[in-house]
Amino acid sequence: MIMEEALVLILGGIVRILIWVVVEFCFYIVCWSIGWCVLKFITIGRYPKLNSKPEYAIAVGVLTIISLIVFANLIGIAG
């Protein structure tokens, strides 16, 4: 009985860590890709440079996704 509970706790922790890593990786890839494209478009290809920090592109990607969701909701409410 105690071994089963310990095993469930350990496996549950491992599964949570794996899910967190997968979600974080997908979030990083999706937001970075969107942010990179938006920044390249807005700055006409000047930014981001190859050696720039990816956090800026990720932040722009997150803001773009949030803006699109808000805009889609506003259209849905008005239409």
N, C-alpha and C. Protein backbone atom coordinates (compact mmCIF):
# COMPACT_ATOMS: atom_id res chain seq x y z
N MET A 1 0.82 -1.20 0.00
CA MET A 1 0.00 0.00 0.00
C MET A 1 0.86 1.26 0.00
N ILE A 2 1.85 1.30 0.86
CA ILE A 2 2.72 2.47 0.94
C ILE A 2 3.58 2.57 -0.32
N MET A 3 4.03 1.43 -0.83
CA MET A 3 4.84 1.43 -2.05
C MET A 3 4.04 1.94 -3.24
N GLU A 4 2.78 1.57 -3.31
CA GLU A 4 1.94 2.02 -4.41
C GLU A 4 1.76 3.53 -4.37
N GLU A 5 1.53 4.07 -3.18
CA GLU A 5 1.38 5.52 -3.04
C GLU A 5 2.66 6.25 -3.40
N ALA A 6 3.79 5.70 -2.97
CA ALA A 6 5.08 6.32 -3.29
C ALA A 6 5.32 6.28 -4.79
N LEU A 7 5.00 5.16 -5.43
CA LEU A 7 5.18 5.03 -6.86
C LEU A 7 4.29 6.01 -7.62
N VAL A 8 3.05 6.17 -7.18
CA VAL A 8 2.13 7.12 -7.81
C VAL A 8 2.66 8.54 -7.67
N LEU A 9 3.18 8.90 -6.51
CA LEU A 9 3.74 10.23 -6.30
C LEU A 9 4.96 10.48 -7.18
N ILE A 10 5.84 9.50 -7.26
CA ILE A 10 7.05 9.65 -8.07
C ILE A 10 6.70 9.74 -9.55
N LEU A 11 5.85 8.84 -10.04
CA LEU A 11 5.47 8.87 -11.44
C LEU A 11 4.68 10.13 -11.78
N GLY A 12 3.83 10.57 -10.86
CA GLY A 12 3.09 11.80 -11.08
C GLY A 12 4.01 13.00 -11.21
N GLY A 13 5.05 13.04 -10.38
CA GLY A 13 6.03 14.12 -10.48
C GLY A 13 6.79 14.10 -11.78
N ILE A 14 7.18 12.91 -12.21
CA ILE A 14 7.91 12.77 -13.48
C ILE A 14 7.04 13.20 -14.65
N VAL A 15 5.79 12.79 -14.64
CA VAL A 15 4.87 13.16 -15.72
C VAL A 15 4.65 14.67 -15.75
N ARG A 16 4.51 15.29 -14.58
CA ARG A 16 4.33 16.75 -14.52
C ARG A 16 5.55 17.47 -15.09
N ILE A 17 6.73 16.99 -14.77
CA ILE A 17 7.95 17.61 -15.29
C ILE A 17 8.02 17.46 -16.81
N LEU A 18 7.71 16.28 -17.31
CA LEU A 18 7.73 16.06 -18.76
C LEU A 18 6.71 16.94 -19.48
N ILE A 19 5.52 17.06 -18.93
CA ILE A 19 4.50 17.92 -19.54
C ILE A 19 4.97 19.37 -19.52
N TRP A 20 5.56 19.81 -18.42
CA TRP A 20 6.05 21.17 -18.32
C TRP A 20 7.12 21.45 -19.38
N VAL A 21 8.04 20.50 -19.56
CA VAL A 21 9.12 20.68 -20.54
C VAL A 21 8.54 20.76 -21.95
N VAL A 22 7.60 19.90 -22.29
CA VAL A 22 7.01 19.89 -23.63
C VAL A 22 6.24 21.18 -23.88
N VAL A 23 5.43 21.61 -22.92
CA VAL A 23 4.66 22.84 -23.09
C VAL A 23 5.59 24.04 -23.20
N GLU A 24 6.62 24.10 -22.37
CA GLU A 24 7.57 25.21 -22.42
C GLU A 24 8.30 25.25 -23.76
N PHE A 25 8.69 24.09 -24.26
CA PHE A 25 9.39 24.01 -25.54
C PHE A 25 8.49 24.47 -26.68
N CYS A 26 7.25 23.99 -26.70
CA CYS A 26 6.31 24.40 -27.75
C CYS A 26 6.00 25.88 -27.67
N PHE A 27 5.80 26.39 -26.45
CA PHE A 27 5.54 27.81 -26.26
C PHE A 27 6.71 28.63 -26.76
N TYR A 28 7.92 28.20 -26.45
CA TYR A 28 9.13 28.91 -26.86
C TYR A 28 9.22 28.94 -28.39
N ILE A 29 9.03 27.81 -29.03
CA ILE A 29 9.16 27.72 -30.48
C ILE A 29 8.07 28.56 -31.17
N VAL A 30 6.82 28.42 -30.75
CA VAL A 30 5.71 29.11 -31.41
C VAL A 30 5.84 30.63 -31.21
N CYS A 31 6.04 31.06 -29.98
CA CYS A 31 6.10 32.50 -29.71
C CYS A 31 7.34 33.13 -30.33
N TRP A 32 8.46 32.42 -30.31
CA TRP A 32 9.67 32.97 -30.93
C TRP A 32 9.48 33.10 -32.44
N SER A 33 8.89 32.11 -33.07
CA SER A 33 8.69 32.16 -34.52
C SER A 33 7.77 33.31 -34.92
N ILE A 34 6.67 33.46 -34.21
CA ILE A 34 5.73 34.55 -34.51
C ILE A 34 6.39 35.89 -34.25
N GLY A 35 7.05 36.02 -33.12
CA GLY A 35 7.70 37.29 -32.78
C GLY A 35 8.81 37.65 -33.74
N TRP A 36 9.57 36.66 -34.16
CA TRP A 36 10.67 36.91 -35.11
C TRP A 36 10.11 37.44 -36.43
N CYS A 37 9.05 36.80 -36.92
CA CYS A 37 8.44 37.24 -38.19
C CYS A 37 7.84 38.64 -38.07
N VAL A 38 7.17 38.92 -36.97
CA VAL A 38 6.57 40.24 -36.77
C VAL A 38 7.65 41.30 -36.69
N LEU A 39 8.72 41.04 -35.94
CA LEU A 39 9.80 42.02 -35.84
C LEU A 39 10.48 42.24 -37.18
N LYS A 40 10.72 41.18 -37.93
CA LYS A 40 11.32 41.34 -39.25
C LYS A 40 10.43 42.17 -40.16
N PHE A 41 9.13 41.96 -40.09
CA PHE A 41 8.19 42.71 -40.92
C PHE A 41 8.14 44.17 -40.51
N ILE A 42 8.02 44.43 -39.20
CA ILE A 42 7.89 45.81 -38.72
C ILE A 42 9.17 46.61 -38.97
N THR A 43 10.32 45.99 -38.78
CA THR A 43 11.59 46.72 -38.93
C THR A 43 12.18 46.59 -40.33
N ILE A 44 11.44 46.04 -41.24
CA ILE A 44 11.86 45.86 -42.64
C ILE A 44 13.18 45.08 -42.71
N GLY A 45 13.28 44.02 -41.92
CA GLY A 45 14.42 43.12 -42.00
C GLY A 45 15.64 43.50 -41.19
N ARG A 46 15.60 44.60 -40.45
CA ARG A 46 16.78 45.02 -39.71
C ARG A 46 16.93 44.34 -38.36
N TYR A 47 15.84 43.96 -37.75
CA TYR A 47 15.88 43.35 -36.43
C TYR A 47 14.99 42.14 -36.46
N PRO A 48 15.25 41.08 -35.82
CA PRO A 48 16.34 40.77 -34.91
C PRO A 48 17.58 40.29 -35.65
N LYS A 49 18.70 40.64 -35.12
CA LYS A 49 19.98 40.17 -35.66
C LYS A 49 20.22 38.73 -35.19
N LEU A 50 21.22 38.10 -35.76
CA LEU A 50 21.51 36.71 -35.40
C LEU A 50 21.95 36.56 -33.95
N ASN A 51 22.67 37.54 -33.42
CA ASN A 51 23.18 37.41 -32.05
C ASN A 51 22.30 38.12 -31.02
N SER A 52 21.07 38.47 -31.36
CA SER A 52 20.19 39.15 -30.41
C SER A 52 19.55 38.14 -29.45
N LYS A 53 19.03 38.67 -28.36
CA LYS A 53 18.40 37.82 -27.35
C LYS A 53 17.05 37.32 -27.85
N PRO A 54 16.75 36.05 -27.66
CA PRO A 54 15.47 35.52 -28.13
C PRO A 54 14.29 36.00 -27.29
N GLU A 55 14.55 36.51 -26.09
CA GLU A 55 13.46 36.94 -25.22
C GLU A 55 12.64 38.06 -25.84
N TYR A 56 13.28 38.94 -26.60
CA TYR A 56 12.56 40.04 -27.24
C TYR A 56 11.57 39.51 -28.28
N ALA A 57 12.02 38.58 -29.09
CA ALA A 57 11.13 38.00 -30.10
C ALA A 57 10.01 37.21 -29.44
N ILE A 58 10.29 36.52 -28.35
CA ILE A 58 9.26 35.76 -27.64
C ILE A 58 8.22 36.72 -27.07
N ALA A 59 8.67 37.84 -26.48
CA ALA A 59 7.73 38.81 -25.92
C ALA A 59 6.83 39.39 -27.00
N VAL A 60 7.39 39.69 -28.16
CA VAL A 60 6.58 40.21 -29.26
C VAL A 60 5.61 39.13 -29.75
N GLY A 61 6.05 37.89 -29.78
CA GLY A 61 5.17 36.80 -30.17
C GLY A 61 3.99 36.64 -29.22
N VAL A 62 4.25 36.72 -27.92
CA VAL A 62 3.18 36.62 -26.92
C VAL A 62 2.21 37.78 -27.09
N LEU A 63 2.73 38.99 -27.24
CA LEU A 63 1.86 40.15 -27.42
C LEU A 63 1.04 40.06 -28.71
N THR A 64 1.64 39.51 -29.75
CA THR A 64 0.90 39.34 -31.01
C THR A 64 -0.23 38.35 -30.85
N ILE A 65 0.04 37.24 -30.19
CA ILE A 65 -1.01 36.22 -29.97
C ILE A 65 -2.14 36.79 -29.12
N ILE A 66 -1.78 37.50 -28.05
CA ILE A 66 -2.80 38.10 -27.18
C ILE A 66 -3.61 39.13 -27.96
N SER A 67 -2.95 39.95 -28.75
CA SER A 67 -3.65 40.97 -29.55
C SER A 67 -4.61 40.32 -30.54
N LEU A 68 -4.18 39.25 -31.19
CA LEU A 68 -5.06 38.57 -32.15
C LEU A 68 -6.27 37.95 -31.46
N ILE A 69 -6.07 37.40 -30.27
CA ILE A 69 -7.20 36.81 -29.53
C ILE A 69 -8.19 37.90 -29.12
N VAL A 70 -7.69 39.01 -28.61
CA VAL A 70 -8.56 40.12 -28.21
C VAL A 70 -9.30 40.66 -29.43
N PHE A 71 -8.60 40.85 -30.53
CA PHE A 71 -9.22 41.37 -31.75
C PHE A 71 -10.30 40.42 -32.26
N ALA A 72 -10.01 39.12 -32.24
CA ALA A 72 -11.00 38.14 -32.70
C ALA A 72 -12.24 38.14 -31.79
N ASN A 73 -12.03 38.32 -30.49
CA ASN A 73 -13.16 38.39 -29.56
C ASN A 73 -13.99 39.65 -29.80
N LEU A 74 -13.33 40.76 -30.06
CA LEU A 74 -14.04 42.00 -30.33
C LEU A 74 -14.86 41.90 -31.61
N ILE A 75 -14.33 41.27 -32.61
CA ILE A 75 -15.07 41.06 -33.86
C ILE A 75 -16.26 40.15 -33.61
N GLY A 76 -16.04 39.11 -32.82
CA GLY A 76 -17.12 38.18 -32.52
C GLY A 76 -18.23 38.82 -31.72
N ILE A 77 -17.88 39.73 -30.81
CA ILE A 77 -18.89 40.41 -30.00
C ILE A 77 -19.65 41.42 -30.84
N ALA A 78 -18.93 42.14 -31.70
CA ALA A 78 -19.58 43.18 -32.51
C ALA A 78 -20.38 42.59 -33.66
N GLY A 79 -19.94 41.41 -34.16
CA GLY A 79 -20.58 40.86 -35.36
C GLY A 79 -21.64 39.95 -35.04
